[in-house]
Amino acid sequence: MFSNETIRKLREIHMGVMAEQLSAQLEDPQFRNVPFEDRLAMLVDAEWSARKSNRLTGLIKKAGYADTQASVENIEYIAERHLDREQILRLASCSYIQEARNVIILGATGAGKTFLACSLGVAANRNFCAARYLRLPDLLVEIAVVRRDGTYREYMKQLKKVKLLILDEWLLYPLKEAEARDVLELVEARNKVASTIFCSQYDTSEWHENLYDPTLADAICDRIIYNAYTVQIEGESTRKRMGMTE
């Protein structure tokens, strides 16, 4: 009776895994001679592990990654890509996030920029850092919407708080003046506060051409590039090599 009431209370306070483990212990004779402290530790470990796992799952889901199969373990280091394994592993340790530094991933269409960026995002989630993946075109649409409905400031504050923001398709096409100013406000808000990964087909020396005018371009690039780690992915399209279609 006592045990059943305890199990019920555990479930009521949302400690379902501990309740299940306690029930299993009570039904298994081998636990009768296990010291109370050891049994309690097993129960706490089970609940703790389940909550950590659920939190990680939630962070990954909330990030909205374009590639749900991405992980550091699945990154290809074939010779033609010229990827520095040590550099990638250092980034996967997430020290750059603690330092609020950026990462720039450069490569041709289909080279695997998105997969690498999402893999680093998952690595951040494993360290229980919140991340968010956005294509720059989608970000600009979202900003236009929140500007119209009066929640622009709130939206920008939310983006500022994300520990790791991944901006894919960075400067794929020239920005209009309002878009460039919004991008400047975002990178300024996150400068030295949080980390951003930029995925681009263009070398940083070519970014100015798509940032409306030289003044805005200088301001934006200065805040992104000066403290960033750069990863260059060489070789032909990953999709082409694997026989995939766009």
C-alpha atoms as a PDB file:
ATOM      1  CA  MET A   1       0.000   0.000   0.000  1.00  0.00           C
ATOM      2  CA  PHE A   2       2.816   2.372   0.984  1.00  0.00           C
ATOM      3  CA  SER A   3       4.744   1.587  -2.196  1.00  0.00           C
ATOM      4  CA  ASN A   4       1.711   2.063  -4.416  1.00  0.00           C
ATOM      5  CA  GLU A   5       1.039   5.467  -2.858  1.00  0.00           C
ATOM      6  CA  THR A   6       4.652   6.497  -3.351  1.00  0.00           C
ATOM      7  CA  ILE A   7       4.549   5.472  -7.002  1.00  0.00           C
ATOM      8  CA  ARG A   8       1.331   7.416  -7.477  1.00  0.00           C
ATOM      9  CA  LYS A   9       2.873  10.553  -5.949  1.00  0.00           C
ATOM     10  CA  LEU A  10       5.968  10.238  -8.116  1.00  0.00           C
ATOM     11  CA  ARG A  11       3.797  10.152 -11.222  1.00  0.00           C
ATOM     12  CA  GLU A  12       1.749  13.079  -9.946  1.00  0.00           C
ATOM     13  CA  ILE A  13       4.874  15.242  -9.638  1.00  0.00           C
ATOM     14  CA  HIS A  14       5.977  14.193 -13.135  1.00  0.00           C
ATOM     15  CA  MET A  15       8.700  11.758 -12.085  1.00  0.00           C
ATOM     16  CA  GLY A  16       7.316   8.928 -14.166  1.00  0.00           C
ATOM     17  CA  VAL A  17      10.643   7.235 -14.936  1.00  0.00           C
ATOM     18  CA  MET A  18      11.493   7.037 -11.250  1.00  0.00           C
ATOM     19  CA  ALA A  19       8.029   5.633 -10.571  1.00  0.00           C
ATOM     20  CA  GLU A  20       8.498   2.948 -13.218  1.00  0.00           C
ATOM     21  CA  GLN A  21      11.953   2.050 -11.922  1.00  0.00           C
ATOM     22  CA  LEU A  22      10.685   1.844  -8.333  1.00  0.00           C
ATOM     23  CA  SER A  23       7.857  -0.432  -9.409  1.00  0.00           C
ATOM     24  CA  ALA A  24      10.363  -2.635 -11.239  1.00  0.00           C
ATOM     25  CA  GLN A  25      12.599  -2.790  -8.173  1.00  0.00           C
ATOM     26  CA  LEU A  26       9.700  -3.827  -5.958  1.00  0.00           C
ATOM     27  CA  GLU A  27       8.783  -6.649  -8.312  1.00  0.00           C
ATOM     28  CA  ASP A  28      12.332  -7.944  -8.769  1.00  0.00           C
ATOM     29  CA  PRO A  29      13.617 -10.115  -5.863  1.00  0.00           C
ATOM     30  CA  GLN A  30      17.253  -9.344  -6.662  1.00  0.00           C
ATOM     31  CA  PHE A  31      16.811  -5.809  -5.311  1.00  0.00           C
ATOM     32  CA  ARG A  32      15.728  -6.980  -1.823  1.00  0.00           C
ATOM     33  CA  ASN A  33      19.286  -7.162  -0.555  1.00  0.00           C
ATOM     34  CA  VAL A  34      20.523  -4.034  -2.308  1.00  0.00           C
ATOM     35  CA  PRO A  35      21.237  -1.209   0.169  1.00  0.00           C
ATOM     36  CA  PHE A  36      18.718   1.616   0.236  1.00  0.00           C
ATOM     37  CA  GLU A  37      21.311   4.231  -0.840  1.00  0.00           C
ATOM     38  CA  ASP A  38      22.207   2.187  -3.926  1.00  0.00           C
ATOM     39  CA  ARG A  39      18.592   1.657  -4.910  1.00  0.00           C
ATOM     40  CA  LEU A  40      17.861   5.359  -4.452  1.00  0.00           C
ATOM     41  CA  ALA A  41      20.885   6.257  -6.593  1.00  0.00           C
ATOM     42  CA  MET A  42      19.611   3.958  -9.365  1.00  0.00           C
ATOM     43  CA  LEU A  43      16.204   5.630  -9.259  1.00  0.00           C
ATOM     44  CA  VAL A  44      17.667   9.135  -9.352  1.00  0.00           C
ATOM     45  CA  ASP A  45      20.066   8.235 -12.183  1.00  0.00           C
ATOM     46  CA  ALA A  46      17.223   6.829 -14.276  1.00  0.00           C
ATOM     47  CA  GLU A  47      15.094   9.947 -13.813  1.00  0.00           C
ATOM     48  CA  TRP A  48      18.052  12.269 -14.418  1.00  0.00           C
ATOM     49  CA  SER A  49      19.093  10.456 -17.609  1.00  0.00           C
ATOM     50  CA  ALA A  50      15.560  10.485 -18.975  1.00  0.00           C
ATOM     51  CA  ARG A  51      15.170  14.203 -18.340  1.00  0.00           C
ATOM     52  CA  LYS A  52      18.514  14.997 -19.963  1.00  0.00           C
ATOM     53  CA  SER A  53      17.543  12.894 -22.973  1.00  0.00           C
ATOM     54  CA  ASN A  54      14.155  14.608 -23.258  1.00  0.00           C
ATOM     55  CA  ARG A  55      15.776  18.019 -22.967  1.00  0.00           C
ATOM     56  CA  LEU A  56      18.247  17.186 -25.736  1.00  0.00           C
ATOM     57  CA  THR A  57      15.458  15.905 -27.963  1.00  0.00           C
ATOM     58  CA  GLY A  58      13.531  19.105 -27.362  1.00  0.00           C
ATOM     59  CA  LEU A  59      16.514  21.330 -28.185  1.00  0.00           C
ATOM     60  CA  ILE A  60      17.159  19.490 -31.451  1.00  0.00           C
ATOM     61  CA  LYS A  61      13.503  19.648 -32.446  1.00  0.00           C
ATOM     62  CA  LYS A  62      13.201  23.336 -31.590  1.00  0.00           C
ATOM     63  CA  ALA A  63      16.326  24.203 -33.597  1.00  0.00           C
ATOM     64  CA  GLY A  64      14.557  23.278 -36.845  1.00  0.00           C
ATOM     65  CA  TYR A  65      17.568  21.832 -38.631  1.00  0.00           C
ATOM     66  CA  ALA A  66      17.349  21.388 -42.380  1.00  0.00           C
ATOM     67  CA  ASP A  67      19.154  18.032 -42.105  1.00  0.00           C
ATOM     68  CA  THR A  68      17.751  15.913 -39.288  1.00  0.00           C
ATOM     69  CA  GLN A  69      20.437  13.251 -39.790  1.00  0.00           C
ATOM     70  CA  ALA A  70      23.323  15.639 -39.205  1.00  0.00           C
ATOM     71  CA  SER A  71      25.899  14.828 -36.542  1.00  0.00           C
ATOM     72  CA  VAL A  72      29.620  15.356 -36.102  1.00  0.00           C
ATOM     73  CA  GLU A  73      30.158  11.594 -36.219  1.00  0.00           C
ATOM     74  CA  ASN A  74      28.766  11.459 -39.768  1.00  0.00           C
ATOM     75  CA  ILE A  75      30.930  14.188 -41.296  1.00  0.00           C
ATOM     76  CA  GLU A  76      32.949  12.920 -44.266  1.00  0.00           C
ATOM     77  CA  TYR A  77      36.664  13.697 -44.291  1.00  0.00           C
ATOM     78  CA  ILE A  78      37.484  12.450 -47.778  1.00  0.00           C
ATOM     79  CA  ALA A  79      40.643  13.995 -49.231  1.00  0.00           C
ATOM     80  CA  GLU A  80      38.960  16.169 -51.874  1.00  0.00           C
ATOM     81  CA  ARG A  81      36.995  18.089 -49.252  1.00  0.00           C
ATOM     82  CA  HIS A  82      40.171  19.272 -47.475  1.00  0.00           C
ATOM     83  CA  LEU A  83      38.372  19.386 -44.145  1.00  0.00           C
ATOM     84  CA  ASP A  84      40.558  19.762 -41.080  1.00  0.00           C
ATOM     85  CA  ARG A  85      39.322  17.075 -38.673  1.00  0.00           C
ATOM     86  CA  GLU A  86      41.018  18.701 -35.697  1.00  0.00           C
ATOM     87  CA  GLN A  87      39.400  22.031 -36.477  1.00  0.00           C
ATOM     88  CA  ILE A  88      35.950  20.437 -36.743  1.00  0.00           C
ATOM     89  CA  LEU A  89      36.424  18.565 -33.464  1.00  0.00           C
ATOM     90  CA  ARG A  90      37.530  21.775 -31.753  1.00  0.00           C
ATOM     91  CA  LEU A  91      34.374  23.474 -33.026  1.00  0.00           C
ATOM     92  CA  ALA A  92      32.304  20.501 -31.877  1.00  0.00           C
ATOM     93  CA  SER A  93      33.626  21.064 -28.362  1.00  0.00           C
ATOM     94  CA  CYS A  94      31.670  24.356 -28.470  1.00  0.00           C
ATOM     95  CA  SER A  95      34.447  26.494 -26.998  1.00  0.00           C
ATOM     96  CA  TYR A  96      33.688  29.084 -29.696  1.00  0.00           C
ATOM     97  CA  ILE A  97      30.181  29.415 -28.242  1.00  0.00           C
ATOM     98  CA  GLN A  98      31.599  30.075 -24.788  1.00  0.00           C
ATOM     99  CA  GLU A  99      33.790  32.749 -26.400  1.00  0.00           C
ATOM    100  CA  ALA A 100      30.822  34.162 -28.408  1.00  0.00           C
ATOM    101  CA  ARG A 101      32.764  33.788 -31.666  1.00  0.00           C
ATOM    102  CA  ASN A 102      31.319  33.110 -35.110  1.00  0.00           C
ATOM    103  CA  VAL A 103      31.917  30.361 -37.656  1.00  0.00           C
ATOM    104  CA  ILE A 104      31.930  30.938 -41.414  1.00  0.00           C
ATOM    105  CA  ILE A 105      31.416  27.872 -43.612  1.00  0.00           C
ATOM    106  CA  LEU A 106      32.267  28.390 -47.278  1.00  0.00           C
ATOM    107  CA  GLY A 107      31.758  26.064 -50.214  1.00  0.00           C
ATOM    108  CA  ALA A 108      30.002  25.535 -53.516  1.00  0.00           C
ATOM    109  CA  THR A 109      26.365  24.515 -53.841  1.00  0.00           C
ATOM    110  CA  GLY A 110      25.904  20.995 -52.518  1.00  0.00           C
ATOM    111  CA  ALA A 111      29.347  20.842 -50.888  1.00  0.00           C
ATOM    112  CA  GLY A 112      27.828  19.980 -47.506  1.00  0.00           C
ATOM    113  CA  LYS A 113      27.757  23.368 -45.777  1.00  0.00           C
ATOM    114  CA  THR A 114      24.268  22.823 -44.369  1.00  0.00           C
ATOM    115  CA  PHE A 115      25.116  19.349 -43.075  1.00  0.00           C
ATOM    116  CA  LEU A 116      28.253  20.620 -41.337  1.00  0.00           C
ATOM    117  CA  ALA A 117      26.434  23.601 -39.832  1.00  0.00           C
ATOM    118  CA  CYS A 118      23.587  21.412 -38.555  1.00  0.00           C
ATOM    119  CA  SER A 119      26.121  18.932 -37.170  1.00  0.00           C
ATOM    120  CA  LEU A 120      27.743  21.728 -35.170  1.00  0.00           C
ATOM    121  CA  GLY A 121      24.282  22.781 -34.051  1.00  0.00           C
ATOM    122  CA  VAL A 122      23.570  19.287 -32.743  1.00  0.00           C
ATOM    123  CA  ALA A 123      26.954  19.333 -30.979  1.00  0.00           C
ATOM    124  CA  ALA A 124      25.860  22.550 -29.272  1.00  0.00           C
ATOM    125  CA  ASN A 125      22.572  20.925 -28.273  1.00  0.00           C
ATOM    126  CA  ARG A 126      24.486  18.028 -26.738  1.00  0.00           C
ATOM    127  CA  ASN A 127      26.118  20.646 -24.537  1.00  0.00           C
ATOM    128  CA  PHE A 128      22.595  21.882 -23.776  1.00  0.00           C
ATOM    129  CA  CYS A 129      22.969  25.127 -25.715  1.00  0.00           C
ATOM    130  CA  ALA A 130      19.918  26.341 -27.575  1.00  0.00           C
ATOM    131  CA  ALA A 131      20.344  26.675 -31.334  1.00  0.00           C
ATOM    132  CA  ARG A 132      18.210  27.792 -34.233  1.00  0.00           C
ATOM    133  CA  TYR A 133      18.597  27.127 -37.953  1.00  0.00           C
ATOM    134  CA  LEU A 134      17.285  29.656 -40.474  1.00  0.00           C
ATOM    135  CA  ARG A 135      17.816  30.301 -44.157  1.00  0.00           C
ATOM    136  CA  LEU A 136      18.604  33.985 -44.591  1.00  0.00           C
ATOM    137  CA  PRO A 137      15.683  34.412 -47.061  1.00  0.00           C
ATOM    138  CA  ASP A 138      13.307  32.972 -44.451  1.00  0.00           C
ATOM    139  CA  LEU A 139      14.774  35.187 -41.727  1.00  0.00           C
ATOM    140  CA  LEU A 140      14.174  38.290 -43.826  1.00  0.00           C
ATOM    141  CA  VAL A 141      10.562  37.240 -44.461  1.00  0.00           C
ATOM    142  CA  GLU A 142      10.018  36.674 -40.730  1.00  0.00           C
ATOM    143  CA  ILE A 143      11.500  40.083 -39.941  1.00  0.00           C
ATOM    144  CA  ALA A 144       9.193  41.737 -42.498  1.00  0.00           C
ATOM    145  CA  VAL A 145       6.189  40.031 -40.881  1.00  0.00           C
ATOM    146  CA  VAL A 146       7.052  41.016 -37.305  1.00  0.00           C
ATOM    147  CA  ARG A 147       7.778  44.557 -38.404  1.00  0.00           C
ATOM    148  CA  ARG A 148       4.239  44.811 -39.800  1.00  0.00           C
ATOM    149  CA  ASP A 149       2.559  43.324 -36.728  1.00  0.00           C
ATOM    150  CA  GLY A 150       4.527  45.443 -34.255  1.00  0.00           C
ATOM    151  CA  THR A 151       6.581  42.678 -32.609  1.00  0.00           C
ATOM    152  CA  TYR A 152       9.891  43.489 -34.302  1.00  0.00           C
ATOM    153  CA  ARG A 153      11.756  44.420 -31.102  1.00  0.00           C
ATOM    154  CA  GLU A 154      10.543  41.349 -29.265  1.00  0.00           C
ATOM    155  CA  TYR A 155      11.532  39.106 -32.183  1.00  0.00           C
ATOM    156  CA  MET A 156      15.034  40.571 -32.375  1.00  0.00           C
ATOM    157  CA  LYS A 157      15.478  40.155 -28.621  1.00  0.00           C
ATOM    158  CA  GLN A 158      14.565  36.477 -28.956  1.00  0.00           C
ATOM    159  CA  LEU A 159      17.133  35.977 -31.708  1.00  0.00           C
ATOM    160  CA  LYS A 160      19.751  37.748 -29.607  1.00  0.00           C
ATOM    161  CA  LYS A 161      19.225  35.235 -26.789  1.00  0.00           C
ATOM    162  CA  VAL A 162      19.796  32.132 -28.933  1.00  0.00           C
ATOM    163  CA  LYS A 163      23.248  30.811 -28.036  1.00  0.00           C
ATOM    164  CA  LEU A 164      23.876  29.535 -31.564  1.00  0.00           C
ATOM    165  CA  LEU A 165      22.127  30.920 -34.632  1.00  0.00           C
ATOM    166  CA  ILE A 166      22.755  29.200 -37.978  1.00  0.00           C
ATOM    167  CA  LEU A 167      22.144  31.365 -41.044  1.00  0.00           C
ATOM    168  CA  ASP A 168      22.168  29.292 -44.207  1.00  0.00           C
ATOM    169  CA  GLU A 169      22.185  30.628 -47.786  1.00  0.00           C
ATOM    170  CA  TRP A 170      23.974  33.708 -46.484  1.00  0.00           C
ATOM    171  CA  LEU A 171      23.939  36.523 -49.074  1.00  0.00           C
ATOM    172  CA  LEU A 172      22.740  34.232 -51.829  1.00  0.00           C
ATOM    173  CA  TYR A 173      21.307  37.320 -53.505  1.00  0.00           C
ATOM    174  CA  PRO A 174      21.763  41.114 -53.050  1.00  0.00           C
ATOM    175  CA  LEU A 175      19.946  42.654 -50.099  1.00  0.00           C
ATOM    176  CA  LYS A 176      17.732  45.698 -50.248  1.00  0.00           C
ATOM    177  CA  GLU A 177      18.548  48.627 -47.980  1.00  0.00           C
ATOM    178  CA  ALA A 178      15.943  47.715 -45.324  1.00  0.00           C
ATOM    179  CA  GLU A 179      17.098  44.086 -45.335  1.00  0.00           C
ATOM    180  CA  ALA A 180      20.754  45.087 -44.952  1.00  0.00           C
ATOM    181  CA  ARG A 181      19.861  47.349 -42.032  1.00  0.00           C
ATOM    182  CA  ASP A 182      17.930  44.535 -40.354  1.00  0.00           C
ATOM    183  CA  VAL A 183      20.899  42.217 -40.802  1.00  0.00           C
ATOM    184  CA  LEU A 184      23.180  44.868 -39.302  1.00  0.00           C
ATOM    185  CA  GLU A 185      20.923  45.215 -36.274  1.00  0.00           C
ATOM    186  CA  LEU A 186      20.917  41.453 -35.783  1.00  0.00           C
ATOM    187  CA  VAL A 187      24.677  40.966 -36.061  1.00  0.00           C
ATOM    188  CA  GLU A 188      25.242  44.008 -33.846  1.00  0.00           C
ATOM    189  CA  ALA A 189      22.869  42.621 -31.193  1.00  0.00           C
ATOM    190  CA  ARG A 190      24.678  39.269 -31.203  1.00  0.00           C
ATOM    191  CA  ASN A 191      28.202  40.695 -31.471  1.00  0.00           C
ATOM    192  CA  LYS A 192      30.347  39.432 -28.556  1.00  0.00           C
ATOM    193  CA  VAL A 193      27.180  38.061 -26.940  1.00  0.00           C
ATOM    194  CA  ALA A 194      26.321  34.907 -28.891  1.00  0.00           C
ATOM    195  CA  SER A 195      27.653  32.820 -31.776  1.00  0.00           C
ATOM    196  CA  THR A 196      26.406  32.642 -35.346  1.00  0.00           C
ATOM    197  CA  ILE A 197      27.298  30.200 -38.115  1.00  0.00           C
ATOM    198  CA  PHE A 198      27.163  31.700 -41.613  1.00  0.00           C
ATOM    199  CA  CYS A 199      26.955  29.324 -44.601  1.00  0.00           C
ATOM    200  CA  SER A 200      27.862  30.977 -47.884  1.00  0.00           C
ATOM    201  CA  GLN A 201      28.771  30.112 -51.451  1.00  0.00           C
ATOM    202  CA  TYR A 202      30.782  33.309 -51.667  1.00  0.00           C
ATOM    203  CA  ASP A 203      34.153  34.108 -50.153  1.00  0.00           C
ATOM    204  CA  THR A 204      34.035  36.830 -47.518  1.00  0.00           C
ATOM    205  CA  SER A 205      35.840  39.164 -49.927  1.00  0.00           C
ATOM    206  CA  GLU A 206      32.730  39.043 -52.148  1.00  0.00           C
ATOM    207  CA  TRP A 207      30.142  39.740 -49.438  1.00  0.00           C
ATOM    208  CA  HIS A 208      30.264  43.505 -49.893  1.00  0.00           C
ATOM    209  CA  GLU A 209      28.681  43.193 -53.330  1.00  0.00           C
ATOM    210  CA  ASN A 210      25.415  41.886 -51.851  1.00  0.00           C
ATOM    211  CA  LEU A 211      25.139  44.207 -48.836  1.00  0.00           C
ATOM    212  CA  TYR A 212      23.526  47.242 -50.508  1.00  0.00           C
ATOM    213  CA  ASP A 213      26.236  49.850 -50.005  1.00  0.00           C
ATOM    214  CA  PRO A 214      29.856  50.017 -48.781  1.00  0.00           C
ATOM    215  CA  THR A 215      29.009  51.652 -45.449  1.00  0.00           C
ATOM    216  CA  LEU A 216      26.499  48.978 -44.417  1.00  0.00           C
ATOM    217  CA  ALA A 217      28.746  46.261 -45.846  1.00  0.00           C
ATOM    218  CA  ASP A 218      31.730  47.409 -43.785  1.00  0.00           C
ATOM    219  CA  ALA A 219      29.656  47.570 -40.610  1.00  0.00           C
ATOM    220  CA  ILE A 220      28.160  44.105 -41.117  1.00  0.00           C
ATOM    221  CA  CYS A 221      31.335  42.352 -42.214  1.00  0.00           C
ATOM    222  CA  ASP A 222      33.406  43.915 -39.433  1.00  0.00           C
ATOM    223  CA  ARG A 223      31.086  42.456 -36.795  1.00  0.00           C
ATOM    224  CA  ILE A 224      31.062  38.992 -38.376  1.00  0.00           C
ATOM    225  CA  ILE A 225      34.510  38.306 -39.743  1.00  0.00           C
ATOM    226  CA  TYR A 226      36.988  39.735 -37.249  1.00  0.00           C
ATOM    227  CA  ASN A 227      36.327  37.068 -34.572  1.00  0.00           C
ATOM    228  CA  ALA A 228      35.215  34.183 -36.790  1.00  0.00           C
ATOM    229  CA  TYR A 229      36.607  30.749 -37.502  1.00  0.00           C
ATOM    230  CA  THR A 230      36.456  29.895 -41.208  1.00  0.00           C
ATOM    231  CA  VAL A 231      35.853  26.418 -42.640  1.00  0.00           C
ATOM    232  CA  GLN A 232      36.342  25.976 -46.378  1.00  0.00           C
ATOM    233  CA  ILE A 233      34.792  22.884 -47.971  1.00  0.00           C
ATOM    234  CA  GLU A 234      36.390  21.956 -51.263  1.00  0.00           C
ATOM    235  CA  GLY A 235      35.445  19.357 -53.860  1.00  0.00           C
ATOM    236  CA  GLU A 236      32.416  18.625 -55.991  1.00  0.00           C
ATOM    237  CA  SER A 237      28.842  18.617 -54.805  1.00  0.00           C
ATOM    238  CA  THR A 238      28.054  15.968 -52.209  1.00  0.00           C
ATOM    239  CA  ARG A 239      24.690  15.459 -53.891  1.00  0.00           C
ATOM    240  CA  LYS A 240      26.393  14.861 -57.240  1.00  0.00           C
ATOM    241  CA  ARG A 241      28.893  12.431 -55.737  1.00  0.00           C
ATOM    242  CA  MET A 242      26.112  10.424 -54.096  1.00  0.00           C
ATOM    243  CA  GLY A 243      23.895  10.528 -57.176  1.00  0.00           C
ATOM    244  CA  MET A 244      21.227  12.664 -55.508  1.00  0.00           C
ATOM    245  CA  THR A 245      18.977  15.166 -57.231  1.00  0.00           C
ATOM    246  CA  GLU A 246      18.371  18.707 -56.037  1.00  0.00           C
END
